[in-house]
């Protein structure tokens, strides 16, 4: 089962159709190939799956979800916490 942490779009490369997103302080690239052209904008919150932006999420819902994740992370040890954030929708098969 995959639980996607809402991520905030911090930059968009229109040539490569890649967004850089921030997931609770960790930045990663995510492909926009599954989204409508120009649908995702800077500052939007999105959900990722295997390195692709799957959909946008309302900011209020995103922030509430992030608060819930923070509560969960407080209960985890440091190693599990890093793994949960860093491996959220990590992918390596696509060249950027």
PDB file of N, CA and C in Angstrom:
ATOM      1  N   UNK A   1       0.845  -1.174   0.000  1.00  0.00           N
ATOM      2  CA  UNK A   1       0.000   0.000   0.000  1.00  0.00           C
ATOM      3  C   UNK A   1       0.887   1.232   0.000  1.00  0.00           C
ATOM      4  N   UNK A   2       0.505   2.219  -0.731  1.00  0.00           N
ATOM      5  CA  UNK A   2       1.276   3.446  -0.844  1.00  0.00           C
ATOM      6  C   UNK A   2       0.480   4.595  -0.228  1.00  0.00           C
ATOM      7  N   UNK A   3       1.109   5.299   0.678  1.00  0.00           N
ATOM      8  CA  UNK A   3       0.519   6.502   1.244  1.00  0.00           C
ATOM      9  C   UNK A   3       1.349   7.679   0.780  1.00  0.00           C
ATOM     10  N   UNK A   4       0.791   8.532  -0.005  1.00  0.00           N
ATOM     11  CA  UNK A   4       1.531   9.638  -0.579  1.00  0.00           C
ATOM     12  C   UNK A   4       1.450  10.862   0.323  1.00  0.00           C
ATOM     13  N   UNK A   5       2.612  11.417   0.647  1.00  0.00           N
ATOM     14  CA  UNK A   5       2.687  12.641   1.431  1.00  0.00           C
ATOM     15  C   UNK A   5       2.533  13.813   0.475  1.00  0.00           C
ATOM     16  N   UNK A   6       1.640  14.759   0.749  1.00  0.00           N
ATOM     17  CA  UNK A   6       1.511  15.924  -0.132  1.00  0.00           C
ATOM     18  C   UNK A   6       2.848  16.646  -0.257  1.00  0.00           C
ATOM     19  N   UNK A   7       3.153  17.060  -1.463  1.00  0.00           N
ATOM     20  CA  UNK A   7       4.412  17.740  -1.761  1.00  0.00           C
ATOM     21  C   UNK A   7       4.112  19.060  -2.447  1.00  0.00           C
ATOM     22  N   UNK A   8       4.894  20.088  -2.104  1.00  0.00           N
ATOM     23  CA  UNK A   8       4.687  21.420  -2.677  1.00  0.00           C
ATOM     24  C   UNK A   8       5.611  21.615  -3.880  1.00  0.00           C
ATOM     25  N   UNK A   9       5.056  22.092  -4.971  1.00  0.00           N
ATOM     26  CA  UNK A   9       5.827  22.341  -6.187  1.00  0.00           C
ATOM     27  C   UNK A   9       6.673  23.602  -5.979  1.00  0.00           C
ATOM     28  N   UNK A  10       8.001  23.440  -6.109  1.00  0.00           N
ATOM     29  CA  UNK A  10       8.903  24.578  -5.909  1.00  0.00           C
ATOM     30  C   UNK A  10       9.542  25.061  -7.201  1.00  0.00           C
ATOM     31  N   UNK A  11       9.528  24.235  -8.245  1.00  0.00           N
ATOM     32  CA  UNK A  11       9.991  24.680  -9.563  1.00  0.00           C
ATOM     33  C   UNK A  11       9.444  23.735 -10.621  1.00  0.00           C
ATOM     34  N   UNK A  12       9.371  24.255 -11.840  1.00  0.00           N
ATOM     35  CA  UNK A  12       8.891  23.461 -12.975  1.00  0.00           C
ATOM     36  C   UNK A  12       9.814  23.707 -14.153  1.00  0.00           C
ATOM     37  N   UNK A  13      10.303  22.620 -14.743  1.00  0.00           N
ATOM     38  CA  UNK A  13      11.097  22.703 -15.964  1.00  0.00           C
ATOM     39  C   UNK A  13      10.171  22.307 -17.109  1.00  0.00           C
ATOM     40  N   UNK A  14       9.710  23.283 -17.866  1.00  0.00           N
ATOM     41  CA  UNK A  14       8.739  23.014 -18.936  1.00  0.00           C
ATOM     42  C   UNK A  14       9.347  22.195 -20.070  1.00  0.00           C
ATOM     43  N   UNK A  15      10.661  22.349 -20.314  1.00  0.00           N
ATOM     44  CA  UNK A  15      11.297  21.587 -21.385  1.00  0.00           C
ATOM     45  C   UNK A  15      11.283  20.089 -21.107  1.00  0.00           C
ATOM     46  N   UNK A  16      11.594  19.716 -19.864  1.00  0.00           N
ATOM     47  CA  UNK A  16      11.644  18.292 -19.524  1.00  0.00           C
ATOM     48  C   UNK A  16      10.332  17.794 -18.918  1.00  0.00           C
ATOM     49  N   UNK A  17       9.406  18.722 -18.650  1.00  0.00           N
ATOM     50  CA  UNK A  17       8.108  18.399 -18.039  1.00  0.00           C
ATOM     51  C   UNK A  17       8.286  17.748 -16.664  1.00  0.00           C
ATOM     52  N   UNK A  18       9.230  18.319 -15.895  1.00  0.00           N
ATOM     53  CA  UNK A  18       9.569  17.820 -14.566  1.00  0.00           C
ATOM     54  C   UNK A  18       9.349  18.936 -13.546  1.00  0.00           C
ATOM     55  N   UNK A  19       8.722  18.573 -12.444  1.00  0.00           N
ATOM     56  CA  UNK A  19       8.556  19.507 -11.332  1.00  0.00           C
ATOM     57  C   UNK A  19       9.494  19.087 -10.204  1.00  0.00           C
ATOM     58  N   UNK A  20      10.075  20.060  -9.539  1.00  0.00           N
ATOM     59  CA  UNK A  20      10.793  19.791  -8.306  1.00  0.00           C
ATOM     60  C   UNK A  20       9.811  20.076  -7.184  1.00  0.00           C
ATOM     61  N   UNK A  21       9.658  19.102  -6.311  1.00  0.00           N
ATOM     62  CA  UNK A  21       8.690  19.226  -5.217  1.00  0.00           C
ATOM     63  C   UNK A  21       9.404  19.091  -3.883  1.00  0.00           C
ATOM     64  N   UNK A  22       8.811  19.697  -2.878  1.00  0.00           N
ATOM     65  CA  UNK A  22       9.333  19.616  -1.520  1.00  0.00           C
ATOM     66  C   UNK A  22       8.376  18.767  -0.692  1.00  0.00           C
ATOM     67  N   UNK A  23       8.905  17.672  -0.161  1.00  0.00           N
ATOM     68  CA  UNK A  23       8.127  16.763   0.679  1.00  0.00           C
ATOM     69  C   UNK A  23       8.690  16.830   2.085  1.00  0.00           C
ATOM     70  N   UNK A  24       8.097  17.658   2.913  1.00  0.00           N
ATOM     71  CA  UNK A  24       8.519  17.808   4.302  1.00  0.00           C
ATOM     72  C   UNK A  24      10.020  18.073   4.419  1.00  0.00           C
ATOM     73  N   UNK A  25      10.512  18.984   3.580  1.00  0.00           N
ATOM     74  CA  UNK A  25      11.920  19.375   3.630  1.00  0.00           C
ATOM     75  C   UNK A  25      12.840  18.607   2.709  1.00  0.00           C
ATOM     76  N   UNK A  26      12.346  17.577   2.062  1.00  0.00           N
ATOM     77  CA  UNK A  26      13.145  16.794   1.118  1.00  0.00           C
ATOM     78  C   UNK A  26      12.683  17.137  -0.289  1.00  0.00           C
ATOM     79  N   UNK A  27      13.640  17.574  -1.129  1.00  0.00           N
ATOM     80  CA  UNK A  27      13.271  17.916  -2.503  1.00  0.00           C
ATOM     81  C   UNK A  27      13.612  16.770  -3.434  1.00  0.00           C
ATOM     82  N   UNK A  28      12.729  16.583  -4.412  1.00  0.00           N
ATOM     83  CA  UNK A  28      12.926  15.543  -5.424  1.00  0.00           C
ATOM     84  C   UNK A  28      12.242  15.988  -6.715  1.00  0.00           C
ATOM     85  N   UNK A  29      12.599  15.342  -7.796  1.00  0.00           N
ATOM     86  CA  UNK A  29      11.975  15.623  -9.090  1.00  0.00           C
ATOM     87  C   UNK A  29      10.839  14.646  -9.327  1.00  0.00           C
ATOM     88  N   UNK A  30       9.796  15.143  -9.991  1.00  0.00           N
ATOM     89  CA  UNK A  30       8.648  14.296 -10.321  1.00  0.00           C
ATOM     90  C   UNK A  30       8.145  14.670 -11.710  1.00  0.00           C
ATOM     91  N   UNK A  31       7.863  13.672 -12.503  1.00  0.00           N
ATOM     92  CA  UNK A  31       7.392  13.886 -13.870  1.00  0.00           C
ATOM     93  C   UNK A  31       5.946  14.391 -13.875  1.00  0.00           C
ATOM     94  N   UNK A  32       5.666  15.281 -14.799  1.00  0.00           N
ATOM     95  CA  UNK A  32       4.325  15.842 -14.965  1.00  0.00           C
ATOM     96  C   UNK A  32       3.579  15.210 -16.135  1.00  0.00           C
ATOM     97  N   UNK A  33       4.100  14.126 -16.663  1.00  0.00           N
ATOM     98  CA  UNK A  33       3.555  13.503 -17.869  1.00  0.00           C
ATOM     99  C   UNK A  33       2.095  13.064 -17.755  1.00  0.00           C
ATOM    100  N   UNK A  34       1.621  12.798 -16.551  1.00  0.00           N
ATOM    101  CA  UNK A  34       0.252  12.313 -16.373  1.00  0.00           C
ATOM    102  C   UNK A  34      -0.747  13.433 -16.068  1.00  0.00           C
ATOM    103  N   UNK A  35      -0.272  14.661 -16.071  1.00  0.00           N
ATOM    104  CA  UNK A  35      -1.129  15.816 -15.766  1.00  0.00           C
ATOM    105  C   UNK A  35      -1.422  16.600 -17.046  1.00  0.00           C
ATOM    106  N   UNK A  36      -2.534  17.327 -17.039  1.00  0.00           N
ATOM    107  CA  UNK A  36      -2.851  18.207 -18.164  1.00  0.00           C
ATOM    108  C   UNK A  36      -1.784  19.297 -18.279  1.00  0.00           C
ATOM    109  N   UNK A  37      -1.500  19.742 -19.464  1.00  0.00           N
ATOM    110  CA  UNK A  37      -0.516  20.799 -19.691  1.00  0.00           C
ATOM    111  C   UNK A  37      -0.922  22.043 -18.903  1.00  0.00           C
ATOM    112  N   UNK A  38       0.037  22.617 -18.202  1.00  0.00           N
ATOM    113  CA  UNK A  38      -0.134  23.841 -17.407  1.00  0.00           C
ATOM    114  C   UNK A  38      -1.118  23.691 -16.246  1.00  0.00           C
ATOM    115  N   UNK A  39      -1.500  22.476 -15.887  1.00  0.00           N
ATOM    116  CA  UNK A  39      -2.421  22.277 -14.770  1.00  0.00           C
ATOM    117  C   UNK A  39      -1.713  22.494 -13.431  1.00  0.00           C
ATOM    118  N   UNK A  40      -0.448  22.092 -13.341  1.00  0.00           N
ATOM    119  CA  UNK A  40       0.322  22.223 -12.110  1.00  0.00           C
ATOM    120  C   UNK A  40       1.154  23.509 -12.180  1.00  0.00           C
ATOM    121  N   UNK A  41       1.055  24.278 -11.090  1.00  0.00           N
ATOM    122  CA  UNK A  41       1.759  25.567 -11.038  1.00  0.00           C
ATOM    123  C   UNK A  41       2.609  25.636  -9.776  1.00  0.00           C
ATOM    124  N   UNK A  42       3.554  26.576  -9.757  1.00  0.00           N
ATOM    125  CA  UNK A  42       4.378  26.793  -8.568  1.00  0.00           C
ATOM    126  C   UNK A  42       3.485  27.021  -7.357  1.00  0.00           C
ATOM    127  N   UNK A  43       3.842  26.406  -6.263  1.00  0.00           N
ATOM    128  CA  UNK A  43       3.087  26.569  -5.026  1.00  0.00           C
ATOM    129  C   UNK A  43       1.957  25.575  -4.848  1.00  0.00           C
ATOM    130  N   UNK A  44       1.593  24.846  -5.899  1.00  0.00           N
ATOM    131  CA  UNK A  44       0.547  23.823  -5.783  1.00  0.00           C
ATOM    132  C   UNK A  44       1.042  22.668  -4.914  1.00  0.00           C
ATOM    133  N   UNK A  45       0.103  22.004  -4.259  1.00  0.00           N
ATOM    134  CA  UNK A  45       0.398  20.767  -3.554  1.00  0.00           C
ATOM    135  C   UNK A  45      -0.062  19.618  -4.429  1.00  0.00           C
ATOM    136  N   UNK A  46       0.790  18.598  -4.519  1.00  0.00           N
ATOM    137  CA  UNK A  46       0.507  17.465  -5.390  1.00  0.00           C
ATOM    138  C   UNK A  46       0.756  16.159  -4.641  1.00  0.00           C
ATOM    139  N   UNK A  47       0.197  15.085  -5.194  1.00  0.00           N
ATOM    140  CA  UNK A  47       0.468  13.736  -4.699  1.00  0.00           C
ATOM    141  C   UNK A  47       1.258  12.998  -5.764  1.00  0.00           C
ATOM    142  N   UNK A  48       2.248  12.233  -5.326  1.00  0.00           N
ATOM    143  CA  UNK A  48       3.128  11.504  -6.239  1.00  0.00           C
ATOM    144  C   UNK A  48       2.901  10.009  -6.114  1.00  0.00           C
ATOM    145  N   UNK A  49       3.202   9.332  -7.203  1.00  0.00           N
ATOM    146  CA  UNK A  49       3.251   7.875  -7.181  1.00  0.00           C
ATOM    147  C   UNK A  49       4.322   7.444  -8.159  1.00  0.00           C
ATOM    148  N   UNK A  50       5.261   6.658  -7.693  1.00  0.00           N
ATOM    149  CA  UNK A  50       6.415   6.170  -8.456  1.00  0.00           C
ATOM    150  C   UNK A  50       7.054   7.251  -9.323  1.00  0.00           C
ATOM    151  N   UNK A  51       7.211   8.430  -8.764  1.00  0.00           N
ATOM    152  CA  UNK A  51       7.919   9.495  -9.457  1.00  0.00           C
ATOM    153  C   UNK A  51       7.092  10.345 -10.391  1.00  0.00           C
ATOM    154  N   UNK A  52       5.803  10.137 -10.427  1.00  0.00           N
ATOM    155  CA  UNK A  52       4.915  10.928 -11.276  1.00  0.00           C
ATOM    156  C   UNK A  52       3.943  11.711 -10.408  1.00  0.00           C
ATOM    157  N   UNK A  53       3.677  12.947 -10.785  1.00  0.00           N
ATOM    158  CA  UNK A  53       2.605  13.704 -10.152  1.00  0.00           C
ATOM    159  C   UNK A  53       1.308  13.088 -10.643  1.00  0.00           C
ATOM    160  N   UNK A  54       0.485  12.643  -9.691  1.00  0.00           N
ATOM    161  CA  UNK A  54      -0.768  11.970 -10.051  1.00  0.00           C
ATOM    162  C   UNK A  54      -1.962  12.922 -10.001  1.00  0.00           C
ATOM    163  N   UNK A  55      -1.935  13.857  -9.044  1.00  0.00           N
ATOM    164  CA  UNK A  55      -3.024  14.828  -8.967  1.00  0.00           C
ATOM    165  C   UNK A  55      -2.652  15.967  -8.020  1.00  0.00           C
ATOM    166  N   UNK A  56      -3.404  17.040  -8.121  1.00  0.00           N
ATOM    167  CA  UNK A  56      -3.236  18.169  -7.216  1.00  0.00           C
ATOM    168  C   UNK A  56      -4.127  17.942  -6.004  1.00  0.00           C
ATOM    169  N   UNK A  57      -3.755  18.601  -4.913  1.00  0.00           N
ATOM    170  CA  UNK A  57      -4.544  18.509  -3.693  1.00  0.00           C
ATOM    171  C   UNK A  57      -4.722  19.917  -3.137  1.00  0.00           C
ATOM    172  N   UNK A  58      -5.893  20.179  -2.620  1.00  0.00           N
ATOM    173  CA  UNK A  58      -6.210  21.463  -2.023  1.00  0.00           C
ATOM    174  C   UNK A  58      -5.201  21.772  -0.907  1.00  0.00           C
ATOM    175  N   UNK A  59      -4.751  23.039  -0.821  1.00  0.00           N
ATOM    176  CA  UNK A  59      -3.736  23.419   0.163  1.00  0.00           C
ATOM    177  C   UNK A  59      -4.184  23.110   1.593  1.00  0.00           C
ATOM    178  N   UNK A  60      -5.413  23.408   1.929  1.00  0.00           N
ATOM    179  CA  UNK A  60      -5.904  23.150   3.287  1.00  0.00           C
ATOM    180  C   UNK A  60      -5.851  21.657   3.619  1.00  0.00           C
ATOM    181  N   UNK A  61      -6.281  20.823   2.673  1.00  0.00           N
ATOM    182  CA  UNK A  61      -6.220  19.374   2.874  1.00  0.00           C
ATOM    183  C   UNK A  61      -4.775  18.890   2.946  1.00  0.00           C
ATOM    184  N   UNK A  62      -3.916  19.462   2.105  1.00  0.00           N
ATOM    185  CA  UNK A  62      -2.502  19.075   2.095  1.00  0.00           C
ATOM    186  C   UNK A  62      -1.856  19.382   3.440  1.00  0.00           C
ATOM    187  N   UNK A  63      -2.083  20.576   3.957  1.00  0.00           N
ATOM    188  CA  UNK A  63      -1.474  20.961   5.229  1.00  0.00           C
ATOM    189  C   UNK A  63      -2.004  20.123   6.384  1.00  0.00           C
ATOM    190  N   UNK A  64      -3.296  19.788   6.358  1.00  0.00           N
ATOM    191  CA  UNK A  64      -3.863  18.928   7.390  1.00  0.00           C
ATOM    192  C   UNK A  64      -3.234  17.530   7.322  1.00  0.00           C
ATOM    193  N   UNK A  65      -3.045  17.030   6.118  1.00  0.00           N
ATOM    194  CA  UNK A  65      -2.426  15.720   5.935  1.00  0.00           C
ATOM    195  C   UNK A  65      -0.975  15.734   6.416  1.00  0.00           C
ATOM    196  N   UNK A  66      -0.249  16.797   6.093  1.00  0.00           N
ATOM    197  CA  UNK A  66       1.145  16.914   6.532  1.00  0.00           C
ATOM    198  C   UNK A  66       1.221  16.947   8.057  1.00  0.00           C
ATOM    199  N   UNK A  67       0.303  17.653   8.697  1.00  0.00           N
ATOM    200  CA  UNK A  67       0.272  17.671  10.168  1.00  0.00           C
ATOM    201  C   UNK A  67       0.075  16.266  10.726  1.00  0.00           C
ATOM    202  N   UNK A  68      -0.779  15.486  10.086  1.00  0.00           N
ATOM    203  CA  UNK A  68      -1.002  14.105  10.526  1.00  0.00           C
ATOM    204  C   UNK A  68       0.267  13.280  10.356  1.00  0.00           C
ATOM    205  N   UNK A  69       0.936  13.431   9.216  1.00  0.00           N
ATOM    206  CA  UNK A  69       2.189  12.715   8.993  1.00  0.00           C
ATOM    207  C   UNK A  69       3.223  13.095  10.045  1.00  0.00           C
ATOM    208  N   UNK A  70       3.290  14.371  10.408  1.00  0.00           N
ATOM    209  CA  UNK A  70       4.248  14.810  11.428  1.00  0.00           C
ATOM    210  C   UNK A  70       3.982  14.115  12.759  1.00  0.00           C
ATOM    211  N   UNK A  71       2.720  13.940  13.108  1.00  0.00           N
ATOM    212  CA  UNK A  71       2.372  13.233  14.342  1.00  0.00           C
ATOM    213  C   UNK A  71       2.829  11.777  14.274  1.00  0.00           C
ATOM    214  N   UNK A  72       2.626  11.151  13.128  1.00  0.00           N
ATOM    215  CA  UNK A  72       3.060   9.761  12.941  1.00  0.00           C
ATOM    216  C   UNK A  72       4.578   9.671  13.036  1.00  0.00           C
ATOM    217  N   UNK A  73       5.276  10.598  12.387  1.00  0.00           N
ATOM    218  CA  UNK A  73       6.742  10.578  12.376  1.00  0.00           C
ATOM    219  C   UNK A  73       7.326  10.755  13.770  1.00  0.00           C
ATOM    220  N   UNK A  74       6.649  11.500  14.626  1.00  0.00           N
ATOM    221  CA  UNK A  74       7.122  11.683  16.006  1.00  0.00           C
ATOM    222  C   UNK A  74       7.205  10.350  16.748  1.00  0.00           C
ATOM    223  N   UNK A  75       6.378   9.404  16.353  1.00  0.00           N
ATOM    224  CA  UNK A  75       6.338   8.104  17.017  1.00  0.00           C
ATOM    225  C   UNK A  75       7.377   7.129  16.477  1.00  0.00           C
ATOM    226  N   UNK A  76       8.060   7.500  15.395  1.00  0.00           N
ATOM    227  CA  UNK A  76       9.032   6.614  14.758  1.00  0.00           C
ATOM    228  C   UNK A  76      10.443   6.944  15.222  1.00  0.00           C
ATOM    229  N   UNK A  77      11.349   5.945  15.149  1.00  0.00           N
ATOM    230  CA  UNK A  77      12.746   6.259  15.443  1.00  0.00           C
ATOM    231  C   UNK A  77      13.358   6.970  14.236  1.00  0.00           C
ATOM    232  N   UNK A  78      14.535   7.550  14.416  1.00  0.00           N
ATOM    233  CA  UNK A  78      15.166   8.402  13.397  1.00  0.00           C
ATOM    234  C   UNK A  78      15.362   7.679  12.066  1.00  0.00           C
ATOM    235  N   UNK A  79      15.826   6.445  12.102  1.00  0.00           N
ATOM    236  CA  UNK A  79      16.079   5.699  10.863  1.00  0.00           C
ATOM    237  C   UNK A  79      14.782   5.467  10.089  1.00  0.00           C
ATOM    238  N   UNK A  80      13.740   5.033  10.775  1.00  0.00           N
ATOM    239  CA  UNK A  80      12.459   4.794  10.116  1.00  0.00           C
ATOM    240  C   UNK A  80      11.857   6.096   9.594  1.00  0.00           C
ATOM    241  N   UNK A  81      12.055   7.189  10.328  1.00  0.00           N
ATOM    242  CA  UNK A  81      11.533   8.495   9.913  1.00  0.00           C
ATOM    243  C   UNK A  81      12.173   8.929   8.590  1.00  0.00           C
ATOM    244  N   UNK A  82      13.501   8.832   8.505  1.00  0.00           N
ATOM    245  CA  UNK A  82      14.200   9.213   7.265  1.00  0.00           C
ATOM    246  C   UNK A  82      13.757   8.327   6.105  1.00  0.00           C
ATOM    247  N   UNK A  83      13.646   7.049   6.368  1.00  0.00           N
ATOM    248  CA  UNK A  83      13.237   6.108   5.328  1.00  0.00           C
ATOM    249  C   UNK A  83      11.835   6.437   4.820  1.00  0.00           C
ATOM    250  N   UNK A  84      10.920   6.754   5.724  1.00  0.00           N
ATOM    251  CA  UNK A  84       9.538   7.058   5.340  1.00  0.00           C
ATOM    252  C   UNK A  84       9.455   8.279   4.433  1.00  0.00           C
ATOM    253  N   UNK A  85      10.269   9.283   4.712  1.00  0.00           N
ATOM    254  CA  UNK A  85      10.228  10.510   3.908  1.00  0.00           C
ATOM    255  C   UNK A  85      11.023  10.349   2.622  1.00  0.00           C
ATOM    256  N   UNK A  86      12.236   9.817   2.722  1.00  0.00           N
ATOM    257  CA  UNK A  86      13.102   9.718   1.548  1.00  0.00           C
ATOM    258  C   UNK A  86      12.607   8.712   0.527  1.00  0.00           C
ATOM    259  N   UNK A  87      11.986   7.639   0.980  1.00  0.00           N
ATOM    260  CA  UNK A  87      11.538   6.617   0.049  1.00  0.00           C
ATOM    261  C   UNK A  87      10.116   6.825  -0.426  1.00  0.00           C
ATOM    262  N   UNK A  88       9.438   7.861   0.048  1.00  0.00           N
ATOM    263  CA  UNK A  88       8.071   8.141  -0.405  1.00  0.00           C
ATOM    264  C   UNK A  88       8.091   8.368  -1.906  1.00  0.00           C
ATOM    265  N   UNK A  89       7.549   7.409  -2.652  1.00  0.00           N
ATOM    266  CA  UNK A  89       7.439   7.516  -4.101  1.00  0.00           C
ATOM    267  C   UNK A  89       8.778   7.697  -4.804  1.00  0.00           C
ATOM    268  N   UNK A  90       9.840   7.136  -4.242  1.00  0.00           N
ATOM    269  CA  UNK A  90      11.157   7.213  -4.868  1.00  0.00           C
ATOM    270  C   UNK A  90      11.147   6.363  -6.144  1.00  0.00           C
ATOM    271  N   UNK A  91      11.844   6.828  -7.137  1.00  0.00           N
ATOM    272  CA  UNK A  91      11.950   6.040  -8.354  1.00  0.00           C
ATOM    273  C   UNK A  91      13.293   6.276  -8.974  1.00  0.00           C
ATOM    274  N   UNK A  92      13.785   5.294  -9.721  1.00  0.00           N
ATOM    275  CA  UNK A  92      15.110   5.400 -10.309  1.00  0.00           C
ATOM    276  C   UNK A  92      15.142   4.981 -11.774  1.00  0.00           C
ATOM    277  N   UNK A  93      14.051   4.536 -12.340  1.00  0.00           N
ATOM    278  CA  UNK A  93      14.046   3.995 -13.692  1.00  0.00           C
ATOM    279  C   UNK A  93      13.862   5.033 -14.787  1.00  0.00           C
ATOM    280  N   UNK A  94      13.590   6.252 -14.449  1.00  0.00           N
ATOM    281  CA  UNK A  94      13.319   7.266 -15.463  1.00  0.00           C
ATOM    282  C   UNK A  94      14.483   8.240 -15.521  1.00  0.00           C
ATOM    283  N   UNK A  95      14.996   8.493 -16.705  1.00  0.00           N
ATOM    284  CA  UNK A  95      16.065   9.479 -16.863  1.00  0.00           C
ATOM    285  C   UNK A  95      15.447  10.866 -16.838  1.00  0.00           C
ATOM    286  N   UNK A  96      16.074  11.753 -16.062  1.00  0.00           N
ATOM    287  CA  UNK A  96      15.591  13.132 -15.975  1.00  0.00           C
ATOM    288  C   UNK A  96      16.509  14.048 -16.742  1.00  0.00           C
TER     289      UNK A  96
END
